[in-house]
């Protein structure tokens, strides 16, 4: 049994191996290959000029075939090479018995078109909200957001099987008449009760030092919302508080630097750059509050990881974030007053309560639990057409 996986994710090819930021080899081996004999992966690809094994994760694996599209990273490529792309994807669909389309993605949408044409059983994985993704991206994004959203709603509505990464948000915005499961792509492997004890001691030992807020996200995309936290700590510090903001993430931080300069907190905002995943947990253990101020998300891995370290956390009312945090920790998207109000209430008692709540909530995202649920759903999809 061969299944085709379609998405817009970018693969990097080097020495006949494939590397990716979002699709490591264990996704194939621990998820799809538990159900299907072979996977065929159809995404974008670029030739890596130099070794990328230290910056990206190996995606190549046994029983995984890569049938990739050399169309670059610009969506204009889809328009100029549309006929070639359509033919390529149709041939890939014809060679496989099952189709798994991860949306939102253009490649995924095309794959669904041909799965329906050739009567191939298909399943949709909805991993984000295209409206939020495109509307908050750029002026061009605002133009195409209604069309992409409509296409996604139409595809999901009639899909026989849908995997949502949220428990309620995406289900409400993109409903289906088919069978569904809410199963996050975030999967935590370890839970150490000592982590919560250490966090509790850290909170109890807080003195007059600065309170450190942290966010893990790319620093070159404005929809991640770090600018709102920068403005908020500026207002609070002028009122006598002492907040710092430590940012982990890749990209050009010149915009955020300009925001910090505008609001007079250049000395209070630290840019730590990209960080190996193994070091992220050390970073999380050193901050006092985690902030997820995004304007566009699915169910943020970074927030769940922070919660698994017992970090008191706040977040915007975007997508699946309210599914993770207590109502008192949620602020209206981009509302500086809301952010300030929540941070003012972050006293020792509140932080101790949040640390325990967040740590316990994160256990719902244990890899063993999510993998079992997802695999059983995939088996149902597979066996439904036998």
Protein backbone atom coordinates (compact mmCIF):
# COMPACT_ATOMS: atom_id res chain seq x y z
CA UNK A 1 0.00 0.00 0.00
CA UNK A 2 1.51 3.27 -1.19
CA UNK A 3 0.33 6.68 0.06
CA UNK A 4 1.08 10.06 -1.49
CA UNK A 5 1.78 13.01 0.81
CA UNK A 6 1.35 16.51 -0.67
CA UNK A 7 2.32 19.87 0.80
CA UNK A 8 4.16 23.12 -0.07
CA UNK A 9 6.97 22.41 2.41
CA UNK A 10 10.45 23.09 1.01
CA UNK A 11 12.96 20.24 0.81
CA UNK A 12 16.69 20.87 0.47
CA UNK A 13 18.61 18.27 -1.56
CA UNK A 14 22.29 17.63 -0.83
CA UNK A 15 24.32 14.59 -1.91
CA UNK A 16 21.10 12.74 -2.82
CA UNK A 17 19.69 13.20 0.68
CA UNK A 18 16.74 15.41 1.51
CA UNK A 19 16.53 17.80 4.45
CA UNK A 20 13.63 19.80 5.82
CA UNK A 21 12.74 22.13 8.65
CA UNK A 22 9.21 20.79 9.11
CA UNK A 23 9.21 17.20 7.86
CA UNK A 24 11.95 15.16 9.59
CA UNK A 25 12.34 11.45 8.87
CA UNK A 26 10.61 10.39 12.07
CA UNK A 27 7.36 11.90 10.75
CA UNK A 28 7.36 9.22 8.05
CA UNK A 29 8.63 6.33 10.17
CA UNK A 30 6.58 6.94 13.32
CA UNK A 31 3.38 8.13 11.73
CA UNK A 32 2.57 7.15 8.14
CA UNK A 33 4.76 4.06 7.75
CA UNK A 34 3.03 2.52 10.75
CA UNK A 35 -0.02 2.31 8.48
CA UNK A 36 1.21 2.33 4.87
CA UNK A 37 3.96 0.20 3.29
CA UNK A 38 5.49 3.07 1.36
CA UNK A 39 5.24 6.86 1.26
CA UNK A 40 5.69 9.13 -1.75
CA UNK A 41 6.38 12.75 -0.82
CA UNK A 42 5.45 15.54 -3.22
CA UNK A 43 6.62 19.01 -2.13
CA UNK A 44 8.95 21.73 -3.41
CA UNK A 45 12.70 21.19 -3.60
CA UNK A 46 15.84 23.27 -4.04
CA UNK A 47 19.43 22.11 -4.52
CA UNK A 48 21.45 23.00 -1.42
CA UNK A 49 24.75 24.67 -2.30
CA UNK A 50 26.42 23.42 0.85
CA UNK A 51 25.87 20.86 3.58
CA UNK A 52 22.63 21.66 5.41
CA UNK A 53 22.63 18.72 7.82
CA UNK A 54 23.49 20.97 10.77
CA UNK A 55 20.74 23.50 10.16
CA UNK A 56 17.94 21.26 8.86
CA UNK A 57 16.63 17.82 9.80
CA UNK A 58 17.14 14.75 7.64
CA UNK A 59 13.89 13.85 5.89
CA UNK A 60 15.15 10.87 3.86
CA UNK A 61 14.14 7.46 5.23
CA UNK A 62 13.66 3.87 4.14
CA UNK A 63 10.46 3.25 2.18
CA UNK A 64 10.09 6.97 1.47
CA UNK A 65 10.27 8.14 -2.15
CA UNK A 66 10.64 11.83 -2.96
CA UNK A 67 8.78 12.95 -6.08
CA UNK A 68 9.56 16.65 -5.80
CA UNK A 69 8.87 19.82 -7.75
CA UNK A 70 11.76 22.15 -8.63
CA UNK A 71 9.63 25.29 -8.67
CA UNK A 72 11.41 27.48 -6.14
CA UNK A 73 9.81 29.21 -3.18
CA UNK A 74 7.88 31.98 -4.93
CA UNK A 75 4.21 31.38 -5.64
CA UNK A 76 4.67 33.07 -9.01
CA UNK A 77 6.34 29.82 -10.05
CA UNK A 78 3.00 28.09 -9.72
CA UNK A 79 1.49 30.41 -12.30
CA UNK A 80 4.34 30.20 -14.80
CA UNK A 81 4.66 26.41 -14.52
CA UNK A 82 1.04 25.52 -13.85
CA UNK A 83 0.64 22.94 -16.64
CA UNK A 84 3.86 21.16 -15.68
CA UNK A 85 2.92 21.12 -11.99
CA UNK A 86 -0.58 19.82 -12.67
CA UNK A 87 0.71 16.98 -14.88
CA UNK A 88 3.42 16.07 -12.39
CA UNK A 89 0.99 15.87 -9.49
CA UNK A 90 -1.61 13.95 -11.49
CA UNK A 91 0.98 11.31 -12.38
CA UNK A 92 1.99 11.06 -8.72
CA UNK A 93 -1.64 10.56 -7.71
CA UNK A 94 -2.11 7.82 -10.30
CA UNK A 95 0.88 5.87 -8.95
CA UNK A 96 -0.45 5.73 -5.38
CA UNK A 97 -3.41 4.06 -3.72
CA UNK A 98 -4.05 6.78 -1.11
CA UNK A 99 -3.68 10.56 -1.03
CA UNK A 100 -2.88 12.65 2.06
CA UNK A 101 -3.05 16.40 1.43
CA UNK A 102 -1.71 18.77 4.06
CA UNK A 103 -3.50 22.12 3.87
CA UNK A 104 -3.25 25.01 3.48
CA UNK A 105 -1.05 24.38 0.41
CA UNK A 106 -1.35 24.82 -3.34
CA UNK A 107 0.26 21.44 -4.03
CA UNK A 108 -2.19 19.82 -1.62
CA UNK A 109 -5.17 21.44 -3.36
CA UNK A 110 -4.01 20.24 -6.77
CA UNK A 111 -3.49 16.75 -5.38
CA UNK A 112 -7.07 16.71 -4.08
CA UNK A 113 -8.34 17.72 -7.50
CA UNK A 114 -6.78 14.67 -9.11
CA UNK A 115 -7.59 12.35 -6.23
CA UNK A 116 -11.26 13.14 -6.83
CA UNK A 117 -10.90 12.86 -10.61
CA UNK A 118 -9.32 9.41 -10.41
CA UNK A 119 -11.42 8.27 -7.44
CA UNK A 120 -8.47 7.83 -5.08
CA UNK A 121 -9.28 7.75 -1.36
CA UNK A 122 -8.03 10.95 0.26
CA UNK A 123 -7.50 12.48 3.68
CA UNK A 124 -6.86 16.11 4.60
CA UNK A 125 -4.55 17.30 7.35
CA UNK A 126 -5.53 20.88 8.23
CA UNK A 127 -2.52 22.39 9.99
CA UNK A 128 -3.34 26.09 9.89
CA UNK A 129 -5.84 28.79 8.98
CA UNK A 130 -5.20 30.18 5.47
CA UNK A 131 -7.20 33.33 6.23
CA UNK A 132 -4.94 34.26 9.13
CA UNK A 133 -1.82 33.16 7.26
CA UNK A 134 -2.43 35.23 4.14
CA UNK A 135 -4.35 38.19 5.59
CA UNK A 136 -1.59 38.93 8.10
CA UNK A 137 1.26 38.32 5.67
CA UNK A 138 1.23 41.21 3.19
CA UNK A 139 -0.90 43.38 0.93
CA UNK A 140 -0.79 40.66 -1.74
CA UNK A 141 -1.82 38.18 0.94
CA UNK A 142 -4.93 40.23 1.70
CA UNK A 143 -5.90 40.04 -1.97
CA UNK A 144 -5.71 36.25 -2.19
CA UNK A 145 -6.82 35.40 1.38
CA UNK A 146 -10.55 35.21 0.52
CA UNK A 147 -9.92 32.88 -2.45
CA UNK A 148 -7.54 30.51 -0.61
CA UNK A 149 -9.90 30.43 2.39
CA UNK A 150 -12.88 29.60 0.18
CA UNK A 151 -10.97 26.80 -1.55
CA UNK A 152 -9.87 25.36 1.77
CA UNK A 153 -13.38 25.47 3.21
CA UNK A 154 -14.76 23.78 0.10
CA UNK A 155 -12.13 21.03 0.17
CA UNK A 156 -12.52 20.31 3.88
CA UNK A 157 -16.32 20.41 3.81
CA UNK A 158 -16.60 17.39 1.51
CA UNK A 159 -13.52 15.47 2.69
CA UNK A 160 -14.28 11.97 4.03
CA UNK A 161 -11.45 12.18 6.59
CA UNK A 162 -9.92 15.28 8.19
CA UNK A 163 -7.16 15.59 10.79
CA UNK A 164 -7.25 18.97 12.57
CA UNK A 165 -4.28 20.17 14.63
CA UNK A 166 -6.62 22.03 16.99
CA UNK A 167 -9.38 20.77 19.24
CA UNK A 168 -12.01 23.31 18.22
CA UNK A 169 -10.74 26.43 16.40
CA UNK A 170 -10.08 25.01 12.92
CA UNK A 171 -13.07 22.69 13.27
CA UNK A 172 -15.31 25.71 13.75
CA UNK A 173 -13.86 27.76 10.92
CA UNK A 174 -13.44 24.87 8.45
CA UNK A 175 -16.14 22.30 9.24
CA UNK A 176 -16.56 18.97 7.47
CA UNK A 177 -19.26 16.38 7.02
CA UNK A 178 -16.63 13.63 7.14
CA UNK A 179 -14.93 11.78 9.98
CA UNK A 180 -12.54 13.88 12.04
CA UNK A 181 -9.93 13.85 14.75
CA UNK A 182 -8.29 16.71 16.64
CA UNK A 183 -4.63 15.76 16.91
CA UNK A 184 -1.81 18.28 17.24
CA UNK A 185 1.42 18.02 15.26
CA UNK A 186 3.20 18.95 18.47
CA UNK A 187 4.43 15.87 20.32
CA UNK A 188 6.40 16.04 23.56
CA UNK A 189 8.46 13.04 24.58
CA UNK A 190 9.54 13.71 28.16
CA UNK A 191 7.82 14.97 31.29
CA UNK A 192 9.97 15.33 34.39
CA UNK A 193 8.23 16.35 37.62
CA UNK A 194 11.54 17.85 38.73
CA UNK A 195 11.02 20.51 36.05
CA UNK A 196 7.95 21.81 37.89
CA UNK A 197 9.77 21.77 41.24
CA UNK A 198 12.63 23.74 39.70
CA UNK A 199 10.20 26.26 38.21
CA UNK A 200 8.38 26.66 41.52
CA UNK A 201 11.67 27.36 43.30
CA UNK A 202 12.60 29.87 40.60
CA UNK A 203 9.34 31.77 41.05
CA UNK A 204 9.61 31.78 44.83
CA UNK A 205 13.19 33.04 44.59
CA UNK A 206 12.42 36.03 42.36
CA UNK A 207 13.82 39.26 43.77
CA UNK A 208 14.35 42.70 42.30
CA UNK A 209 15.98 41.45 39.10
CA UNK A 210 14.29 42.10 35.74
CA UNK A 211 11.36 39.84 34.86
CA UNK A 212 12.32 38.12 31.61
CA UNK A 213 9.67 37.53 28.96
CA UNK A 214 10.56 35.18 26.11
CA UNK A 215 9.27 34.29 22.66
CA UNK A 216 10.57 31.64 20.26
CA UNK A 217 9.66 32.57 16.67
CA UNK A 218 11.13 33.99 13.48
CA UNK A 219 12.02 37.64 14.01
CA UNK A 220 11.56 38.75 10.41
CA UNK A 221 7.80 38.17 10.05
CA UNK A 222 5.55 40.74 11.65
CA UNK A 223 2.59 38.41 12.14
CA UNK A 224 4.50 36.72 14.97
CA UNK A 225 3.67 39.84 16.99
CA UNK A 226 6.86 40.44 18.99
CA UNK A 227 6.45 44.17 18.34
CA UNK A 228 3.41 44.21 20.64
CA UNK A 229 5.38 42.82 23.58
CA UNK A 230 8.14 45.38 22.96
CA UNK A 231 5.63 48.24 23.09
CA UNK A 232 3.96 46.77 26.18
CA UNK A 233 7.19 46.47 28.21
CA UNK A 234 8.03 50.04 27.24
CA UNK A 235 4.76 51.26 28.75
CA UNK A 236 5.16 49.11 31.86
CA UNK A 237 8.78 50.03 32.51
CA UNK A 238 7.83 53.70 32.38
CA UNK A 239 5.38 52.89 35.18
CA UNK A 240 8.14 51.47 37.37
CA UNK A 241 8.15 47.82 36.30
CA UNK A 242 11.31 46.08 35.17
CA UNK A 243 10.73 43.78 32.19
CA UNK A 244 13.17 42.44 29.65
CA UNK A 245 12.31 40.63 26.42
CA UNK A 246 14.55 37.82 25.14
CA UNK A 247 13.83 36.63 21.61
CA UNK A 248 14.98 33.37 20.04
CA UNK A 249 14.51 33.00 16.30
CA UNK A 250 16.11 33.33 12.90
CA UNK A 251 15.75 36.15 10.42
CA UNK A 252 16.50 39.85 10.01
CA UNK A 253 15.56 41.62 13.27
CA UNK A 254 15.95 45.17 11.94
CA UNK A 255 12.21 45.90 12.15
CA UNK A 256 11.99 44.81 15.78
CA UNK A 257 15.12 46.82 16.57
CA UNK A 258 13.44 49.90 15.10
CA UNK A 259 10.37 49.27 17.25
CA UNK A 260 12.52 48.91 20.38
CA UNK A 261 14.34 52.14 19.51
CA UNK A 262 11.06 53.98 18.88
CA UNK A 263 9.75 53.00 22.31
CA UNK A 264 13.03 53.53 24.15
CA UNK A 265 13.74 49.94 25.22
CA UNK A 266 16.74 48.97 23.10
CA UNK A 267 18.60 47.94 26.25
CA UNK A 268 15.69 45.77 27.39
CA UNK A 269 15.26 43.67 24.24
CA UNK A 270 17.80 40.90 23.61
CA UNK A 271 18.09 39.03 20.31
CA UNK A 272 19.53 35.56 20.85
CA UNK A 273 19.28 34.42 17.24
CA UNK A 274 18.43 30.88 16.10
CA UNK A 275 19.05 28.18 18.66
CA UNK A 276 19.44 24.39 18.33
CA UNK A 277 16.31 22.69 19.60
CA UNK A 278 18.24 20.92 22.34
CA UNK A 279 19.17 24.32 23.81
CA UNK A 280 15.69 25.81 23.63
CA UNK A 281 14.62 24.07 26.84
CA UNK A 282 17.57 25.62 28.69
CA UNK A 283 16.46 29.01 27.39
CA UNK A 284 12.89 28.34 28.53
CA UNK A 285 14.13 27.39 32.01
CA UNK A 286 15.86 30.78 32.26
CA UNK A 287 12.92 33.01 31.37
CA UNK A 288 10.08 33.97 33.71
CA UNK A 289 7.11 34.38 31.33
CA UNK A 290 6.54 33.05 27.84
CA UNK A 291 4.58 35.17 25.34
CA UNK A 292 2.87 33.98 22.14
CA UNK A 293 1.61 37.24 20.59
CA UNK A 294 1.00 35.80 17.09
CA UNK A 295 -1.53 37.13 14.62
CA UNK A 296 -1.42 33.81 12.74
CA UNK A 297 -0.93 30.30 14.13
CA UNK A 298 -2.19 26.75 14.12
CA UNK A 299 -1.43 25.26 17.51
CA UNK A 300 1.99 26.71 18.44
CA UNK A 301 4.66 24.16 19.31
CA UNK A 302 6.78 26.81 21.02
CA UNK A 303 4.02 27.64 23.50
CA UNK A 304 3.36 24.00 24.34
CA UNK A 305 7.08 23.43 24.89
CA UNK A 306 7.20 26.43 27.23
CA UNK A 307 4.22 25.06 29.15
CA UNK A 308 5.98 21.70 29.47
CA UNK A 309 8.74 23.55 31.37
CA UNK A 310 6.16 25.07 33.72
CA UNK A 311 6.63 28.57 32.33
CA UNK A 312 3.76 30.98 33.14
CA UNK A 313 2.52 32.02 29.69
CA UNK A 314 0.37 34.58 27.92
CA UNK A 315 -0.94 34.59 24.36
CA UNK A 316 -3.16 36.28 21.82
CA UNK A 317 -6.68 35.11 21.00
CA UNK A 318 -5.41 33.70 17.69
CA UNK A 319 -6.31 30.25 16.32
CA UNK A 320 -5.61 27.44 18.81
CA UNK A 321 -3.82 29.54 21.46
CA UNK A 322 -6.96 29.94 23.64
CA UNK A 323 -7.25 26.14 23.69
CA UNK A 324 -3.97 26.01 25.61
CA UNK A 325 -4.10 28.85 28.12
CA UNK A 326 -6.46 30.01 30.85
CA UNK A 327 -8.84 32.80 29.84
CA UNK A 328 -7.06 35.23 32.17
CA UNK A 329 -3.85 34.78 30.17
CA UNK A 330 -5.34 35.60 26.76
CA UNK A 331 -5.17 39.08 25.24
CA UNK A 332 -6.92 40.47 22.17
CA UNK A 333 -4.75 40.24 19.09
CA UNK A 334 -2.38 43.23 19.03
CA UNK A 335 -4.00 44.95 22.03
CA UNK A 336 -1.21 46.59 24.03
CA UNK A 337 -3.53 47.52 26.88
CA UNK A 338 -4.60 43.91 27.30
CA UNK A 339 -0.98 42.74 27.36
CA UNK A 340 -0.05 45.30 29.98
CA UNK A 341 -3.05 44.41 32.12
CA UNK A 342 -2.17 40.70 32.13
CA UNK A 343 1.51 41.32 32.89
CA UNK A 344 0.63 43.61 35.79
CA UNK A 345 -1.31 40.76 37.38
CA UNK A 346 1.62 38.33 37.10
CA UNK A 347 2.48 38.28 40.79
CA UNK A 348 4.14 35.35 42.54
CA UNK A 349 0.87 33.64 43.46
CA UNK A 350 -0.46 33.84 39.90
CA UNK A 351 2.78 32.56 38.44
CA UNK A 352 2.88 29.58 40.80
CA UNK A 353 -0.68 28.63 39.87
CA UNK A 354 0.03 29.03 36.16
CA UNK A 355 3.23 26.99 36.34
CA UNK A 356 1.34 23.95 37.61
CA UNK A 357 -1.64 24.38 35.28
CA UNK A 358 0.58 24.77 32.23
CA UNK A 359 2.76 21.80 33.11
CA UNK A 360 -0.26 19.53 33.55
CA UNK A 361 -1.93 20.83 30.38
CA UNK A 362 1.18 20.08 28.32
CA UNK A 363 0.88 16.39 29.20
CA UNK A 364 -2.10 16.20 26.84
CA UNK A 365 0.46 16.54 24.05
CA UNK A 366 2.52 13.52 24.97
CA UNK A 367 3.84 11.90 21.82
CA UNK A 368 2.75 8.41 22.80
CA UNK A 369 -0.88 9.50 23.25
CA UNK A 370 -1.10 11.56 20.06
CA UNK A 371 0.69 8.96 17.92
CA UNK A 372 -1.69 6.22 19.01
CA UNK A 373 -4.79 8.30 18.27
CA UNK A 374 -3.51 9.44 14.89
CA UNK A 375 -2.40 5.98 13.79
CA UNK A 376 -5.79 4.49 14.66
CA UNK A 377 -7.46 7.22 12.59
CA UNK A 378 -5.15 6.56 9.63
CA UNK A 379 -5.89 2.83 9.88
CA UNK A 380 -9.62 3.57 9.75
CA UNK A 381 -9.03 5.69 6.64
CA UNK A 382 -6.92 2.96 5.04
CA UNK A 383 -9.32 0.14 5.82
CA UNK A 384 -12.43 2.07 4.84
CA UNK A 385 -11.70 1.49 1.14
CA UNK A 386 -10.52 -2.11 1.26
